[in-house]
Amino acid sequence: MKETLATAPSGAAPSEPGVAFPVLGAISLTHLLNDMMQSVLLAIYPVLQGRFDLSFAQVGIITLAFQFSSSLLQPLVGRFTDRHPMPYSLPVGMGFTCCGLLLLSQAWNFPLVVLAATLVGAGSSVFHPESSRVARMASAGRHGLAQSIFQVGGNIGSSIGPLLAALLIVPHGQGSVAWVSLAALLGICILIGVSRWYAANLSGVRGRTSLNKIDNGLSPRQVRGAILILLLLIFSKYFYLAGLSSYFTFFLIDRFSLDIQQAQYALFVFLAGAAAGTLTGGPIGDRIGRKRVIWASILGTAPFSLALPYANLHWTLVLAFCAGFMIASAFPAIVVYAQELMPGKTGTVSGLFFGLAFGMGGIGAAALGKLADATSIAFVYHLCAFLPLLGLAAFFLPDTRRRAA
């Protein structure tokens, strides 16, 4: 069983195993399930708002709890597993998500909803760093491709979540969230198989190659400067994404008088664009360099984001898809670029940047929710439209293309 997953293509030498596509497919599928379950929380905000009479600030607090339970723990988990790999922690992390969904389905007050969101976020704190290590082990040097395959599962899952909410939870109510937890059980079964492959290959050629510390030719000062620029870009990307993912349904309902189900379908369009962008960004980065992809994708979002608040419904959907596609294509390149900046620290880097992504999203959701309460949801969208212009900072990133292996 272990050897079936680990077998290289027939043309590859045993000492140089090829890309383990079955393993990448497995972690991408579980990423789909993981993020689908998590996006259900975001997608049913209008349901929760109606039942508990929540303000926009309280909606932001739910997102903040969800994001921060992940962002605070992910770098710690990644740092620990770099030193002490824990292959079988993957199904355990999925169990946290399952418990959070079951609690969410039965929560009868706002504090319990916040606790459920915290448990769902804790599942990601374990899943993302370890899964990124698996992706790098399975990549056979095609790191951008592996990250894109891994991450696109999450994006597809995030786009399915609103559809699931519109078709299942909105018509049948909060209690129907319990049915979604069945996906966690499927994820646990798949991750047990992935964990076996991970454990079997950890000390072999794949493990040694992926964990090796390779000199990238950059000075510590250059690395620190590049990390600071990446943090700025993560801020730009995820504050903007927080505005769209958390409040897009409210914006559409307010501006175009859509009902909840119609707004959920529109959110799916944006998230589908993000999924397509994620799948594209990594392989392109393998070919032309991570820096070019990061620069073009974040700055390239600006024309669409600036036009979106002024468009009619049809063009709003088109622009939302394009903005999602452009800005999401940056993240696989950012993660692999950061891994090249800090070789041998795959878990730490993945935990840090996935954690920052969640953390910035949480801060953005809470801050933008407070701003929406004080002004209007339309004002928030006009303000967020300028965030992708911070992509200009990517021009100052050092080029690692010829240095990294």
Protein backbone atom coordinates (compact mmCIF):
# COMPACT_ATOMS: atom_id res chain seq x y z
CA MET A 1 0.00 0.00 0.00
CA LYS A 2 2.79 2.41 0.95
CA GLU A 3 4.81 1.59 -2.12
CA THR A 4 1.80 2.13 -4.40
CA LEU A 5 1.60 5.78 -3.44
CA ALA A 6 5.36 6.22 -3.46
CA THR A 7 6.06 4.57 -6.79
CA ALA A 8 7.75 6.86 -9.31
CA PRO A 9 6.86 6.97 -13.00
CA SER A 10 8.46 4.16 -15.01
CA GLY A 11 10.99 6.46 -16.68
CA ALA A 12 12.37 7.89 -13.41
CA ALA A 13 15.48 6.54 -11.76
CA PRO A 14 14.95 5.14 -8.26
CA SER A 15 17.38 7.72 -6.85
CA GLU A 16 15.43 10.57 -8.45
CA PRO A 17 11.72 9.85 -7.94
CA GLY A 18 9.28 11.76 -10.12
CA VAL A 19 6.33 13.87 -9.10
CA ALA A 20 4.02 11.80 -6.87
CA PHE A 21 0.77 12.93 -8.47
CA PRO A 22 -1.43 10.46 -6.51
CA VAL A 23 -0.16 11.98 -3.25
CA LEU A 24 -0.61 15.54 -4.54
CA GLY A 25 -4.12 14.60 -5.66
CA ALA A 26 -4.89 13.18 -2.22
CA ILE A 27 -3.75 16.25 -0.29
CA SER A 28 -5.46 18.52 -2.81
CA LEU A 29 -8.72 16.60 -2.31
CA THR A 30 -8.44 16.80 1.47
CA HIS A 31 -7.57 20.50 1.14
CA LEU A 32 -10.80 20.81 -0.87
CA LEU A 33 -12.77 19.11 1.89
CA ASN A 34 -11.04 21.12 4.63
CA ASP A 35 -11.61 24.52 3.03
CA MET A 36 -15.11 23.62 1.84
CA MET A 37 -16.10 22.95 5.43
CA GLN A 38 -14.44 26.15 6.57
CA SER A 39 -16.05 28.26 3.86
CA VAL A 40 -19.47 27.04 4.97
CA LEU A 41 -18.90 29.14 8.08
CA LEU A 42 -18.28 32.27 5.97
CA ALA A 43 -21.12 31.48 3.59
CA ILE A 44 -23.81 31.17 6.28
CA TYR A 45 -23.08 34.55 7.84
CA PRO A 46 -26.43 35.92 6.60
CA VAL A 47 -28.19 32.94 8.27
CA LEU A 48 -26.33 33.53 11.55
CA GLN A 49 -26.92 37.27 11.32
CA GLY A 50 -30.66 36.69 10.93
CA ARG A 51 -30.90 34.23 13.82
CA PHE A 52 -28.71 36.05 16.36
CA ASP A 53 -29.27 39.65 15.13
CA LEU A 54 -25.53 40.19 14.61
CA SER A 55 -23.91 43.48 13.71
CA PHE A 56 -21.22 43.66 11.03
CA ALA A 57 -18.66 43.99 13.84
CA GLN A 58 -19.87 40.70 15.37
CA VAL A 59 -19.62 39.03 11.98
CA GLY A 60 -16.04 40.27 11.87
CA ILE A 61 -15.38 38.82 15.35
CA ILE A 62 -16.51 35.38 14.16
CA THR A 63 -14.06 35.59 11.27
CA LEU A 64 -11.37 36.92 13.60
CA ALA A 65 -11.79 33.94 15.96
CA PHE A 66 -11.71 31.51 13.05
CA GLN A 67 -8.66 33.05 11.44
CA PHE A 68 -6.64 33.69 14.57
CA SER A 69 -7.03 30.20 16.02
CA SER A 70 -5.26 29.13 12.87
CA SER A 71 -2.82 31.98 12.39
CA LEU A 72 -1.46 31.91 15.93
CA LEU A 73 -0.93 28.15 15.95
CA GLN A 74 0.26 27.47 12.40
CA PRO A 75 3.80 28.91 12.70
CA LEU A 76 4.25 27.06 16.01
CA VAL A 77 3.05 23.79 14.50
CA GLY A 78 5.28 24.30 11.44
CA ARG A 79 8.36 25.09 13.55
CA PHE A 80 7.78 22.06 15.77
CA THR A 81 7.23 19.64 12.88
CA ASP A 82 10.35 20.86 11.07
CA ARG A 83 12.24 19.50 14.06
CA HIS A 84 9.92 16.62 14.95
CA PRO A 85 7.81 15.55 11.93
CA MET A 86 4.38 14.20 12.89
CA PRO A 87 2.84 12.54 9.82
CA TYR A 88 -0.21 11.26 11.67
CA SER A 89 -1.16 14.72 12.94
CA LEU A 90 -2.97 15.30 9.63
CA PRO A 91 -6.10 13.24 10.42
CA VAL A 92 -6.10 14.65 13.97
CA GLY A 93 -6.30 18.19 12.58
CA MET A 94 -9.26 17.22 10.41
CA GLY A 95 -10.96 15.97 13.59
CA PHE A 96 -10.88 19.49 15.08
CA THR A 97 -12.74 20.81 12.04
CA CYS A 98 -15.35 18.08 12.40
CA CYS A 99 -15.96 18.96 16.06
CA GLY A 100 -16.25 22.65 15.21
CA LEU A 101 -18.92 22.03 12.58
CA LEU A 102 -20.96 19.81 14.89
CA LEU A 103 -20.88 22.54 17.54
CA LEU A 104 -21.80 25.19 14.96
CA SER A 105 -24.86 23.18 13.93
CA GLN A 106 -26.17 23.22 17.52
CA ALA A 107 -24.89 26.60 18.81
CA TRP A 108 -27.68 28.56 20.49
CA ASN A 109 -25.86 31.82 21.22
CA PHE A 110 -23.12 34.06 19.85
CA PRO A 111 -20.28 32.87 22.18
CA LEU A 112 -20.82 29.24 21.09
CA VAL A 113 -20.68 30.31 17.44
CA VAL A 114 -17.34 31.99 18.17
CA LEU A 115 -16.07 28.83 19.92
CA ALA A 116 -17.15 26.68 16.96
CA ALA A 117 -15.32 29.02 14.59
CA THR A 118 -12.22 28.72 16.78
CA LEU A 119 -12.28 24.90 16.57
CA VAL A 120 -12.68 24.99 12.79
CA GLY A 121 -9.68 27.31 12.57
CA ALA A 122 -7.63 25.03 14.82
CA GLY A 123 -8.03 22.25 12.25
CA SER A 124 -6.24 24.39 9.68
CA SER A 125 -3.40 25.12 12.08
CA VAL A 126 -2.38 21.46 11.86
CA PHE A 127 -3.44 20.69 8.30
CA HIS A 128 -1.69 23.41 6.31
CA PRO A 129 1.95 23.22 7.53
CA GLU A 130 2.13 19.43 7.37
CA SER A 131 0.32 19.23 4.03
CA SER A 132 2.75 21.76 2.56
CA ARG A 133 5.63 19.54 3.66
CA VAL A 134 3.94 16.59 1.93
CA ALA A 135 3.50 18.69 -1.23
CA ARG A 136 7.18 19.63 -1.28
CA MET A 137 8.22 16.00 -0.71
CA ALA A 138 6.00 14.89 -3.58
CA SER A 139 7.09 17.66 -5.99
CA ALA A 140 10.38 16.20 -7.33
CA GLY A 141 11.66 19.77 -7.66
CA ARG A 142 8.56 21.21 -9.33
CA HIS A 143 7.66 23.14 -6.22
CA GLY A 144 5.36 25.71 -7.80
CA LEU A 145 3.34 23.01 -9.55
CA ALA A 146 3.00 21.03 -6.32
CA GLN A 147 1.92 24.10 -4.33
CA SER A 148 -0.65 25.02 -6.98
CA ILE A 149 -2.13 21.52 -7.03
CA PHE A 150 -2.27 21.52 -3.26
CA GLN A 151 -3.70 25.02 -2.95
CA VAL A 152 -6.23 24.75 -5.76
CA GLY A 153 -8.02 22.07 -3.79
CA GLY A 154 -8.52 24.62 -1.05
CA ASN A 155 -9.75 27.26 -3.48
CA ILE A 156 -12.21 24.86 -5.10
CA GLY A 157 -13.42 23.85 -1.68
CA SER A 158 -13.87 27.50 -0.73
CA SER A 159 -15.93 28.07 -3.88
CA ILE A 160 -18.09 25.00 -3.23
CA GLY A 161 -18.87 26.13 0.31
CA PRO A 162 -21.23 28.97 -0.68
CA LEU A 163 -23.08 26.67 -3.10
CA LEU A 164 -23.45 24.08 -0.35
CA ALA A 165 -24.72 26.78 1.98
CA ALA A 166 -27.19 28.06 -0.63
CA LEU A 167 -28.52 24.60 -1.52
CA LEU A 168 -28.47 22.93 1.90
CA ILE A 169 -28.08 25.27 4.85
CA VAL A 170 -30.09 28.34 3.80
CA PRO A 171 -33.24 26.27 3.00
CA HIS A 172 -32.90 23.86 5.97
CA GLY A 173 -31.37 26.03 8.65
CA GLN A 174 -28.40 26.01 10.99
CA GLY A 175 -28.84 22.37 12.08
CA SER A 176 -28.07 21.13 8.57
CA VAL A 177 -24.42 22.16 9.10
CA ALA A 178 -24.03 18.78 10.85
CA TRP A 179 -24.33 17.01 7.50
CA VAL A 180 -21.26 18.88 6.26
CA SER A 181 -19.17 17.23 8.99
CA LEU A 182 -19.48 13.96 7.06
CA ALA A 183 -16.90 15.41 4.68
CA ALA A 184 -14.46 15.52 7.62
CA LEU A 185 -14.84 11.78 8.11
CA LEU A 186 -13.95 11.21 4.46
CA GLY A 187 -10.97 13.54 4.85
CA ILE A 188 -9.74 11.63 7.90
CA CYS A 189 -9.80 8.35 5.95
CA ILE A 190 -7.81 9.84 3.05
CA LEU A 191 -5.29 11.52 5.35
CA ILE A 192 -4.54 8.26 7.13
CA GLY A 193 -3.27 6.93 3.76
CA VAL A 194 -1.30 10.13 3.10
CA SER A 195 0.23 9.92 6.57
CA ARG A 196 1.43 6.39 5.86
CA TRP A 197 3.14 7.55 2.64
CA TYR A 198 4.60 10.55 4.48
CA ALA A 199 6.03 8.38 7.26
CA ALA A 200 7.43 5.82 4.79
CA ASN A 201 9.23 8.46 2.67
CA LEU A 202 10.36 10.83 5.42
CA SER A 203 13.81 9.25 5.77
CA GLY A 204 14.14 8.27 2.09
CA VAL A 205 15.27 10.17 -1.02
CA ARG A 206 12.19 12.41 -1.08
CA GLY A 207 12.47 13.37 2.57
CA ARG A 208 16.20 14.08 2.44
CA THR A 209 15.86 16.13 -0.76
CA SER A 210 12.94 18.24 0.43
CA LEU A 211 14.45 18.90 3.86
CA ASN A 212 17.97 19.76 2.65
CA LYS A 213 19.27 23.25 3.40
CA ILE A 214 20.45 24.72 0.09
CA ASP A 215 22.42 27.96 -0.04
CA ASN A 216 20.36 30.49 -2.00
CA GLY A 217 23.18 33.02 -2.25
CA LEU A 218 21.27 35.73 -0.37
CA SER A 219 22.61 37.60 2.63
CA PRO A 220 20.64 37.64 5.91
CA ARG A 221 19.84 41.30 5.26
CA GLN A 222 18.40 40.49 1.83
CA VAL A 223 16.32 37.67 3.31
CA ARG A 224 14.93 39.92 6.05
CA GLY A 225 14.10 42.64 3.53
CA ALA A 226 12.37 40.18 1.22
CA ILE A 227 10.33 38.74 4.10
CA LEU A 228 9.16 42.24 5.07
CA ILE A 229 8.05 42.90 1.48
CA LEU A 230 6.19 39.58 1.41
CA LEU A 231 4.43 40.54 4.64
CA LEU A 232 3.28 43.79 3.01
CA LEU A 233 1.99 41.84 0.00
CA ILE A 234 0.18 39.36 2.25
CA PHE A 235 -1.45 42.35 3.97
CA SER A 236 -2.57 43.76 0.61
CA LYS A 237 -3.82 40.44 -0.72
CA TYR A 238 -5.71 39.23 2.33
CA PHE A 239 -7.26 42.50 3.43
CA TYR A 240 -8.73 42.71 -0.06
CA LEU A 241 -9.80 39.06 -0.03
CA ALA A 242 -11.35 39.53 3.44
CA GLY A 243 -13.52 42.31 2.05
CA LEU A 244 -14.74 40.19 -0.83
CA SER A 245 -15.14 36.82 0.89
CA SER A 246 -16.73 38.08 4.13
CA TYR A 247 -18.90 40.94 2.86
CA PHE A 248 -19.44 40.35 -0.87
CA THR A 249 -22.88 38.83 -0.26
CA PHE A 250 -23.90 41.84 1.86
CA PHE A 251 -22.55 44.23 -0.79
CA LEU A 252 -24.60 42.52 -3.53
CA ILE A 253 -27.74 42.41 -1.39
CA ASP A 254 -27.34 46.11 -0.54
CA ARG A 255 -26.42 47.34 -4.03
CA PHE A 256 -28.50 45.09 -6.29
CA SER A 257 -31.27 43.87 -3.92
CA LEU A 258 -30.39 40.20 -4.43
CA ASP A 259 -31.76 37.55 -2.09
CA ILE A 260 -29.42 35.42 0.01
CA GLN A 261 -29.29 32.48 -2.40
CA GLN A 262 -28.55 34.70 -5.41
CA ALA A 263 -25.77 36.44 -3.47
CA GLN A 264 -24.26 33.03 -2.56
CA TYR A 265 -24.15 32.06 -6.23
CA ALA A 266 -22.38 35.35 -7.00
CA LEU A 267 -19.82 34.66 -4.24
CA PHE A 268 -19.16 31.32 -5.94
CA VAL A 269 -18.15 33.20 -9.12
CA PHE A 270 -15.49 35.16 -7.24
CA LEU A 271 -14.18 32.08 -5.44
CA ALA A 272 -14.10 30.07 -8.68
CA GLY A 273 -11.90 32.78 -10.18
CA ALA A 274 -9.58 32.50 -7.17
CA ALA A 275 -9.36 28.72 -7.67
CA ALA A 276 -8.42 29.13 -11.33
CA GLY A 277 -5.77 31.70 -10.44
CA THR A 278 -4.22 29.46 -7.80
CA LEU A 279 -3.84 26.57 -10.24
CA THR A 280 -2.13 28.88 -12.74
CA GLY A 281 0.27 30.83 -10.54
CA GLY A 282 2.55 28.02 -9.35
CA PRO A 283 3.48 26.40 -12.69
CA ILE A 284 4.05 29.82 -14.28
CA GLY A 285 6.35 30.68 -11.38
CA ASP A 286 8.35 27.50 -12.08
CA ARG A 287 8.92 28.75 -15.64
CA ILE A 288 9.38 32.51 -15.43
CA GLY A 289 10.29 33.05 -11.76
CA ARG A 290 8.29 33.66 -8.60
CA LYS A 291 9.02 37.37 -8.41
CA ARG A 292 7.40 38.13 -11.77
CA VAL A 293 4.27 36.18 -10.86
CA ILE A 294 3.95 37.88 -7.46
CA TRP A 295 4.40 41.33 -8.96
CA ALA A 296 2.05 40.84 -11.90
CA SER A 297 -0.71 39.08 -9.98
CA ILE A 298 -1.14 41.51 -7.08
CA LEU A 299 -0.59 44.72 -9.03
CA GLY A 300 -2.60 43.28 -11.94
CA THR A 301 -5.63 43.02 -9.69
CA ALA A 302 -5.87 46.81 -9.38
CA PRO A 303 -7.71 47.58 -12.67
CA PHE A 304 -10.46 45.10 -11.77
CA SER A 305 -10.72 46.09 -8.11
CA LEU A 306 -10.89 49.82 -8.95
CA ALA A 307 -13.69 49.29 -11.48
CA LEU A 308 -15.76 46.84 -9.43
CA PRO A 309 -17.59 49.29 -7.09
CA TYR A 310 -18.95 51.23 -10.09
CA ALA A 311 -20.10 48.33 -12.29
CA ASN A 312 -23.59 46.96 -12.91
CA LEU A 313 -24.46 43.44 -11.73
CA HIS A 314 -23.23 41.68 -14.88
CA TRP A 315 -19.87 43.44 -14.92
CA THR A 316 -19.55 43.13 -11.14
CA LEU A 317 -19.53 39.34 -11.56
CA VAL A 318 -17.03 39.52 -14.43
CA LEU A 319 -14.73 41.87 -12.52
CA ALA A 320 -15.01 39.79 -9.32
CA PHE A 321 -13.96 36.66 -11.22
CA CYS A 322 -11.00 38.47 -12.80
CA ALA A 323 -9.92 40.05 -9.50
CA GLY A 324 -10.11 36.67 -7.77
CA PHE A 325 -8.11 35.02 -10.55
CA MET A 326 -5.34 37.62 -10.53
CA ILE A 327 -4.82 38.05 -6.81
CA ALA A 328 -5.03 34.32 -5.98
CA SER A 329 -2.33 33.43 -8.50
CA ALA A 330 0.22 35.11 -6.22
CA PHE A 331 -0.03 32.84 -3.19
CA PRO A 332 1.58 29.62 -4.51
CA ALA A 333 4.47 31.75 -5.78
CA ILE A 334 4.73 33.59 -2.45
CA VAL A 335 4.89 30.36 -0.43
CA VAL A 336 7.52 28.72 -2.67
CA TYR A 337 9.51 31.98 -2.89
CA ALA A 338 9.56 32.17 0.92
CA GLN A 339 10.65 28.52 1.12
CA GLU A 340 13.54 29.39 -1.19
CA LEU A 341 14.43 32.33 1.06
CA MET A 342 14.54 30.03 4.12
CA PRO A 343 15.63 26.60 2.83
CA GLY A 344 15.18 23.63 5.14
CA LYS A 345 12.30 25.31 7.02
CA THR A 346 9.34 24.20 4.91
CA GLY A 347 6.95 23.72 7.83
CA THR A 348 7.94 26.98 9.51
CA VAL A 349 7.56 28.99 6.31
CA SER A 350 4.27 27.33 5.36
CA GLY A 351 2.86 27.75 8.85
CA LEU A 352 4.00 31.37 8.97
CA PHE A 353 2.56 32.36 5.61
CA PHE A 354 -0.65 30.34 5.80
CA GLY A 355 -1.00 31.66 9.34
CA LEU A 356 -0.38 35.22 8.21
CA ALA A 357 -2.91 34.74 5.44
CA PHE A 358 -5.55 33.67 7.95
CA GLY A 359 -4.49 36.32 10.47
CA MET A 360 -4.53 39.18 7.99
CA GLY A 361 -7.88 37.96 6.74
CA GLY A 362 -9.21 37.93 10.30
CA ILE A 363 -7.91 41.41 11.12
CA GLY A 364 -9.24 42.65 7.79
CA ALA A 365 -12.68 41.15 8.36
CA ALA A 366 -12.98 42.66 11.84
CA ALA A 367 -11.64 46.08 10.80
CA LEU A 368 -13.73 46.26 7.64
CA GLY A 369 -16.82 45.10 9.53
CA LYS A 370 -16.34 47.90 12.07
CA LEU A 371 -15.83 50.37 9.23
CA ALA A 372 -18.97 49.11 7.46
CA ASP A 373 -21.02 49.65 10.63
CA ALA A 374 -19.66 53.21 10.92
CA THR A 375 -20.05 54.11 7.22
CA SER A 376 -21.51 51.70 4.67
CA ILE A 377 -20.61 48.47 2.92
CA ALA A 378 -20.27 50.43 -0.34
CA PHE A 379 -17.64 52.70 1.21
CA VAL A 380 -15.64 49.65 2.31
CA TYR A 381 -15.53 48.38 -1.28
CA HIS A 382 -14.38 51.74 -2.60
CA LEU A 383 -11.57 51.81 -0.03
CA CYS A 384 -10.42 48.19 -0.56
CA ALA A 385 -10.16 48.77 -4.30
CA PHE A 386 -6.82 50.57 -3.77
CA LEU A 387 -5.11 47.80 -1.77
CA PRO A 388 -3.73 45.85 -4.78
CA LEU A 389 -1.64 48.91 -5.70
CA LEU A 390 0.72 47.82 -2.90
CA GLY A 391 1.84 45.11 -5.34
CA LEU A 392 4.38 47.67 -6.59
CA ALA A 393 6.54 46.65 -3.61
CA ALA A 394 7.23 43.28 -5.28
CA PHE A 395 9.61 45.09 -7.65
CA PHE A 396 12.16 45.20 -4.80
CA LEU A 397 12.21 41.44 -4.17
CA PRO A 398 15.56 39.74 -4.99
CA ASP A 399 15.51 37.24 -7.84
CA THR A 400 15.97 33.70 -6.49
CA ARG A 401 15.35 31.93 -9.80
CA ARG A 402 18.97 31.15 -10.62
CA ARG A 403 19.99 30.59 -7.01
CA ALA A 404 17.42 28.12 -5.69
CA ALA A 405 17.38 24.45 -6.58
